[in-house]
Protein backbone atom coordinates (compact mmCIF):
# COMPACT_ATOMS: atom_id res chain seq x y z
CA UNK A 1 117.83 74.62 113.06
CA UNK A 2 116.73 76.61 116.11
CA UNK A 3 116.49 79.78 114.02
CA UNK A 4 114.51 77.99 111.31
CA UNK A 5 112.13 76.59 113.93
CA UNK A 6 111.58 80.03 115.46
CA UNK A 7 110.91 81.51 112.02
CA UNK A 8 108.46 78.71 111.23
CA UNK A 9 106.57 79.52 114.44
CA UNK A 10 106.54 83.18 113.44
CA UNK A 11 105.14 82.26 110.02
CA UNK A 12 102.36 80.24 111.68
CA UNK A 13 101.57 83.20 113.93
CA UNK A 14 101.46 85.50 110.89
CA UNK A 15 98.88 83.30 109.22
CA UNK A 16 96.87 83.11 112.44
CA UNK A 17 96.73 86.91 112.41
CA UNK A 18 95.58 86.81 108.79
CA UNK A 19 92.87 84.36 109.82
CA UNK A 20 91.67 86.67 112.60
CA UNK A 21 91.78 89.67 110.25
CA UNK A 22 89.70 87.97 107.55
CA UNK A 23 87.17 86.80 110.14
CA UNK A 24 86.80 90.32 111.54
CA UNK A 25 86.42 91.65 108.00
CA UNK A 26 83.79 89.00 107.18
CA UNK A 27 81.83 89.81 110.35
CA UNK A 28 81.58 93.43 109.20
CA UNK A 29 80.77 92.52 105.57
CA UNK A 30 77.96 89.96 105.57
CA UNK A 31 80.27 86.95 106.01
CA UNK A 32 82.31 87.83 102.92
CA UNK A 33 86.07 88.05 102.51
CA UNK A 34 87.56 91.11 100.72
CA UNK A 35 87.76 89.38 97.32
CA UNK A 36 84.01 88.68 97.56
CA UNK A 37 83.16 92.34 98.19
CA UNK A 38 82.98 95.06 95.47
CA UNK A 39 85.57 97.84 95.60
CA UNK A 40 82.86 100.45 96.21
CA UNK A 41 82.06 98.63 99.48
CA UNK A 42 85.71 98.48 100.54
CA UNK A 43 86.55 95.11 98.99
CA UNK A 44 88.63 93.89 96.07
CA UNK A 45 86.32 91.69 93.98
CA UNK A 46 87.20 93.59 90.81
CA UNK A 47 90.75 92.21 91.01
CA UNK A 48 89.79 88.51 90.96
CA UNK A 49 90.11 88.00 87.20
CA UNK A 50 93.22 86.23 85.90
CA UNK A 51 94.15 89.28 83.84
CA UNK A 52 94.36 91.19 87.13
CA UNK A 53 96.92 88.80 88.63
CA UNK A 54 99.56 91.53 88.88
CA UNK A 55 97.24 93.33 91.30
CA UNK A 56 96.68 90.49 93.75
CA UNK A 57 98.16 92.84 96.35
CA UNK A 58 94.85 94.75 96.25
CA UNK A 59 93.20 91.94 98.21
CA UNK A 60 95.73 92.42 101.02
CA UNK A 61 95.24 96.18 100.87
CA UNK A 62 91.51 95.67 101.43
CA UNK A 63 92.47 93.96 104.72
CA UNK A 64 94.86 96.73 105.77
CA UNK A 65 92.60 98.09 108.54
CA UNK A 66 92.46 94.65 110.15
CA UNK A 67 96.11 93.71 109.56
CA UNK A 68 97.57 97.17 110.34
CA UNK A 69 101.11 96.20 109.24
CA UNK A 70 102.35 94.46 106.04
CA UNK A 71 105.02 92.64 108.08
CA UNK A 72 102.28 90.15 109.00
CA UNK A 73 102.11 88.81 105.45
CA UNK A 74 105.84 88.31 104.99
CA UNK A 75 107.27 85.00 106.22
CA UNK A 76 110.56 85.62 108.08
CA UNK A 77 112.03 82.58 106.29
CA UNK A 78 111.27 84.10 102.89
CA UNK A 79 114.53 85.82 101.98
CA UNK A 80 113.31 86.81 98.52
CA UNK A 81 110.89 89.49 99.76
CA UNK A 82 111.33 93.24 100.17
CA UNK A 83 109.65 94.31 103.40
CA UNK A 84 107.11 97.05 102.75
CA UNK A 85 106.53 99.48 105.62
CA UNK A 86 103.03 100.56 104.64
CA UNK A 87 100.07 99.32 102.59
CA UNK A 88 100.14 102.39 100.38
CA UNK A 89 100.49 102.49 96.59
CA UNK A 90 103.73 103.97 95.32
CA UNK A 91 105.91 106.48 97.13
CA UNK A 92 104.98 110.06 98.07
CA UNK A 93 106.90 112.68 96.13
CA UNK A 94 109.79 114.55 97.66
CA UNK A 95 111.47 113.96 100.99
CA UNK A 96 108.34 112.41 102.51
CA UNK A 97 108.68 109.35 100.29
CA UNK A 98 112.41 108.83 100.63
CA UNK A 99 112.20 106.15 103.31
CA UNK A 100 108.91 104.60 102.23
CA UNK A 101 108.92 101.12 100.71
CA UNK A 102 105.46 100.85 99.10
CA UNK A 103 103.41 97.69 99.20
CA UNK A 104 101.55 97.57 95.91
CA UNK A 105 102.65 98.86 92.51
CA UNK A 106 101.50 97.97 89.05
CA UNK A 107 104.97 97.59 87.58
CA UNK A 108 108.35 96.41 88.81
CA UNK A 109 110.57 98.76 90.77
CA UNK A 110 113.82 98.25 92.63
CA UNK A 111 111.86 98.51 95.89
CA UNK A 112 108.93 96.10 95.74
CA UNK A 113 108.92 94.78 92.17
CA UNK A 114 105.14 94.64 92.15
CA UNK A 115 103.81 91.77 94.23
CA UNK A 116 107.14 90.81 95.82
CA UNK A 117 106.71 92.29 99.27
CA UNK A 118 104.63 89.45 100.73
CA UNK A 119 104.94 85.68 101.06
CA UNK A 120 101.43 84.25 100.98
CA UNK A 121 99.02 83.20 98.26
CA UNK A 122 95.25 83.73 98.50
CA UNK A 123 92.73 81.04 97.54
CA UNK A 124 89.77 82.19 95.46
CA UNK A 125 87.53 79.51 96.97
CA UNK A 126 88.05 80.65 100.57
CA UNK A 127 84.68 80.92 102.25
CA UNK A 128 83.81 81.45 105.90
CA UNK A 129 80.86 79.08 105.49
CA UNK A 130 83.18 76.32 104.21
CA UNK A 131 85.77 75.80 106.96
CA UNK A 132 87.80 73.12 105.12
CA UNK A 133 88.58 75.38 102.17
CA UNK A 134 92.09 76.79 101.92
CA UNK A 135 92.35 80.53 102.52
CA UNK A 136 96.08 81.29 102.33
CA UNK A 137 99.55 79.83 102.77
CA UNK A 138 103.23 79.94 101.85
CA UNK A 139 103.80 80.89 98.21
CA UNK A 140 106.60 78.43 97.32
CA UNK A 141 104.56 75.75 95.55
CA UNK A 142 105.55 73.67 92.53
CA UNK A 143 102.86 72.17 90.29
CA UNK A 144 103.79 70.57 86.97
CA UNK A 145 105.59 73.23 84.93
CA UNK A 146 104.74 75.94 87.45
CA UNK A 147 107.36 76.78 90.08
CA UNK A 148 106.54 79.91 92.06
CA UNK A 149 110.17 80.47 93.04
CA UNK A 150 111.17 80.97 89.41
CA UNK A 151 108.18 83.06 88.31
CA UNK A 152 108.82 86.78 87.81
CA UNK A 153 105.10 87.62 87.54
CA UNK A 154 102.08 87.08 89.76
CA UNK A 155 99.82 84.29 88.50
CA UNK A 156 96.59 82.47 89.21
CA UNK A 157 97.05 78.68 89.15
CA UNK A 158 94.18 76.18 89.05
CA UNK A 159 95.00 72.86 90.74
CA UNK A 160 91.61 71.09 90.71
CA UNK A 161 91.69 67.65 92.43
CA UNK A 162 92.97 64.97 90.05
CA UNK A 163 96.70 64.67 90.63
CA UNK A 164 99.32 62.47 88.96
CA UNK A 165 102.96 61.68 89.68
CA UNK A 166 103.97 64.37 87.18
CA UNK A 167 101.43 66.93 88.34
CA UNK A 168 101.18 67.04 92.11
CA UNK A 169 101.36 70.14 94.36
CA UNK A 170 104.71 70.22 96.16
CA UNK A 171 106.44 72.64 98.50
CA UNK A 172 109.89 73.72 97.31
CA UNK A 173 112.93 73.83 99.60
CA UNK A 174 113.21 77.64 99.67
CA UNK A 175 111.13 78.55 102.73
CA UNK A 176 110.41 75.65 105.09
CA UNK A 177 112.47 72.82 103.54
CA UNK A 178 109.75 71.02 101.53
CA UNK A 179 107.13 71.89 104.14
CA UNK A 180 104.64 74.75 104.28
CA UNK A 181 102.03 76.50 106.39
CA UNK A 182 98.37 76.64 105.39
CA UNK A 183 95.55 78.85 106.64
CA UNK A 184 92.07 77.35 106.31
CA UNK A 185 88.80 79.25 106.11
CA UNK A 186 87.99 78.39 109.73
CA UNK A 187 91.09 80.45 110.74
CA UNK A 188 93.11 77.38 111.76
CA UNK A 189 96.73 77.11 110.60
CA UNK A 190 98.24 73.77 109.63
CA UNK A 191 101.90 72.85 109.20
CA UNK A 192 101.73 70.65 106.13
CA UNK A 193 103.91 68.32 104.11
CA UNK A 194 103.42 68.15 100.34
CA UNK A 195 101.25 65.08 100.84
CA UNK A 196 99.02 66.98 103.28
CA UNK A 197 98.87 69.97 100.94
CA UNK A 198 97.47 67.69 98.24
CA UNK A 199 95.02 66.14 100.70
CA UNK A 200 93.71 69.54 101.83
CA UNK A 201 92.99 70.36 98.19
CA UNK A 202 91.19 67.04 97.71
CA UNK A 203 89.12 67.56 100.89
CA UNK A 204 88.19 71.14 99.99
CA UNK A 205 84.70 71.82 98.65
CA UNK A 206 86.33 74.12 96.07
CA UNK A 207 86.46 72.08 92.85
CA UNK A 208 88.93 74.45 91.15
CA UNK A 209 91.41 75.04 93.98
CA UNK A 210 92.54 78.22 92.23
CA UNK A 211 95.30 80.07 94.10
CA UNK A 212 96.47 83.64 93.52
CA UNK A 213 100.26 83.79 93.82
CA UNK A 214 102.60 86.73 94.21
CA UNK A 215 105.67 86.86 91.99
CA UNK A 216 108.34 84.42 93.14
CA UNK A 217 111.50 86.30 92.22
């Protein structure tokens, strides 16, 4: 329990660093987050479409100058992640690439398997001008037939706001025992139960509540 508590604190601190990084980025880019900025300007807006879900890692790469290290976006409780040691694409050829675990690759490999080197989703509706909107959080969410833990591919999932007993956002047991950590657009981090996760979605000004998930397994 003590180890789990320490890892939960570390996860919260990771998301706080993500919040600081996105705020610094927004300050330098007309109050826009990377996924609101075209690639030619150093952003990742071209990778927002659902058919680009396998390249969600590009949004994190756009923040690499502010984050500096991909360890920040891996929860220490998330045992199903391969820790990347750089934000680079692929591995350099020859001896130089032997010890490199790349962050972002278009197809599965034994090293990162695409988007499986980080633990956090990104919310499309994140907006610095809308502080109650969700920005990021732990990936292990269940919603109806969707269970991130069992998904082998990255996906975009739209939650909206009308929930039923059969279709309610829930944290799984795999990371924080049916709890999770959420980063809001005002850079605050909340430790949330499934009930609170649902309430944050209801309170958000984002009608779609569309989240971009990494692969779960």
